[in-house]
């Protein structure tokens, strides 16, 4: 007689990602949602402030800088669109 094949349950685990260690991820996860929300809002404010200062700096330096020439479009190499067999 043939018996049913048993499957293993997948174990869940965390690993570090680029730029963030596993300890940092665990600390962030353990924080209260309110603290995370405040940090998110603070980061958004800083980003908006940086974006607001960029146009001012560009307006001052824009008149002095020479206009840039558009880059020429190069034709794409032919023969790359073959049939894909997955």
Protein backbone atom coordinates (compact mmCIF):
# COMPACT_ATOMS: atom_id res chain seq x y z
CA UNK A 1 0.00 0.00 0.00
CA UNK A 2 1.07 3.58 -0.67
CA UNK A 3 1.09 5.99 2.27
CA UNK A 4 0.50 9.74 2.10
CA UNK A 5 3.65 11.84 1.78
CA UNK A 6 4.16 14.00 4.87
CA UNK A 7 5.08 17.64 4.39
CA UNK A 8 7.04 19.74 6.85
CA UNK A 9 5.67 22.99 8.19
CA UNK A 10 7.84 25.91 7.13
CA UNK A 11 9.69 27.56 10.00
CA UNK A 12 9.42 31.36 10.07
CA UNK A 13 12.57 33.32 10.76
CA UNK A 14 13.88 36.84 10.36
CA UNK A 15 17.11 37.90 8.77
CA UNK A 16 18.87 41.22 8.47
CA UNK A 17 18.40 43.36 5.38
CA UNK A 18 20.89 45.66 3.71
CA UNK A 19 21.50 48.73 5.84
CA UNK A 20 19.74 47.36 8.93
CA UNK A 21 20.86 44.69 11.38
CA UNK A 22 18.50 42.15 12.88
CA UNK A 23 18.73 43.85 16.29
CA UNK A 24 17.66 47.18 14.73
CA UNK A 25 14.68 45.51 13.08
CA UNK A 26 13.63 43.88 16.36
CA UNK A 27 13.94 47.21 18.23
CA UNK A 28 11.81 48.95 15.61
CA UNK A 29 9.20 46.20 15.77
CA UNK A 30 9.08 46.39 19.59
CA UNK A 31 8.39 50.15 19.56
CA UNK A 32 4.87 51.35 20.27
CA UNK A 33 2.91 52.39 17.16
CA UNK A 34 2.58 55.97 18.45
CA UNK A 35 6.35 56.37 18.59
CA UNK A 36 6.71 54.98 15.08
CA UNK A 37 4.02 57.38 13.82
CA UNK A 38 5.80 60.36 15.42
CA UNK A 39 9.13 59.35 13.88
CA UNK A 40 7.46 58.94 10.49
CA UNK A 41 5.87 62.40 10.69
CA UNK A 42 9.18 63.95 11.76
CA UNK A 43 10.96 62.36 8.78
CA UNK A 44 8.23 63.62 6.44
CA UNK A 45 8.62 67.18 7.77
CA UNK A 46 12.39 67.06 7.25
CA UNK A 47 11.95 65.75 3.71
CA UNK A 48 9.46 68.53 2.92
CA UNK A 49 11.87 71.13 4.29
CA UNK A 50 14.65 69.77 2.08
CA UNK A 51 12.37 69.80 -0.97
CA UNK A 52 11.36 73.38 -0.23
CA UNK A 53 14.99 74.50 -0.10
CA UNK A 54 15.96 72.77 -3.36
CA UNK A 55 13.96 75.08 -5.69
CA UNK A 56 15.34 78.19 -3.93
CA UNK A 57 18.92 77.02 -4.47
CA UNK A 58 18.18 76.06 -8.08
CA UNK A 59 16.65 79.48 -8.82
CA UNK A 60 19.76 81.32 -7.59
CA UNK A 61 22.28 79.16 -9.41
CA UNK A 62 20.15 78.52 -12.49
CA UNK A 63 20.81 81.88 -14.17
CA UNK A 64 24.60 81.50 -14.02
CA UNK A 65 24.79 77.91 -15.26
CA UNK A 66 25.01 77.31 -18.99
CA UNK A 67 22.04 75.45 -20.54
CA UNK A 68 22.72 71.75 -20.88
CA UNK A 69 22.53 70.08 -24.28
CA UNK A 70 20.15 67.19 -24.73
CA UNK A 71 21.80 63.79 -24.95
CA UNK A 72 21.51 62.10 -28.33
CA UNK A 73 19.28 59.04 -28.44
CA UNK A 74 21.16 55.95 -29.47
CA UNK A 75 19.35 53.17 -31.34
CA UNK A 76 18.87 50.01 -29.32
CA UNK A 77 20.76 46.89 -30.35
CA UNK A 78 18.64 44.61 -32.53
CA UNK A 79 18.03 40.92 -31.93
CA UNK A 80 17.14 41.08 -28.23
CA UNK A 81 13.43 40.25 -28.47
CA UNK A 82 13.55 36.49 -28.84
CA UNK A 83 10.97 34.02 -27.55
CA UNK A 84 11.26 33.29 -23.85
CA UNK A 85 10.65 29.74 -22.72
CA UNK A 86 10.13 29.50 -18.98
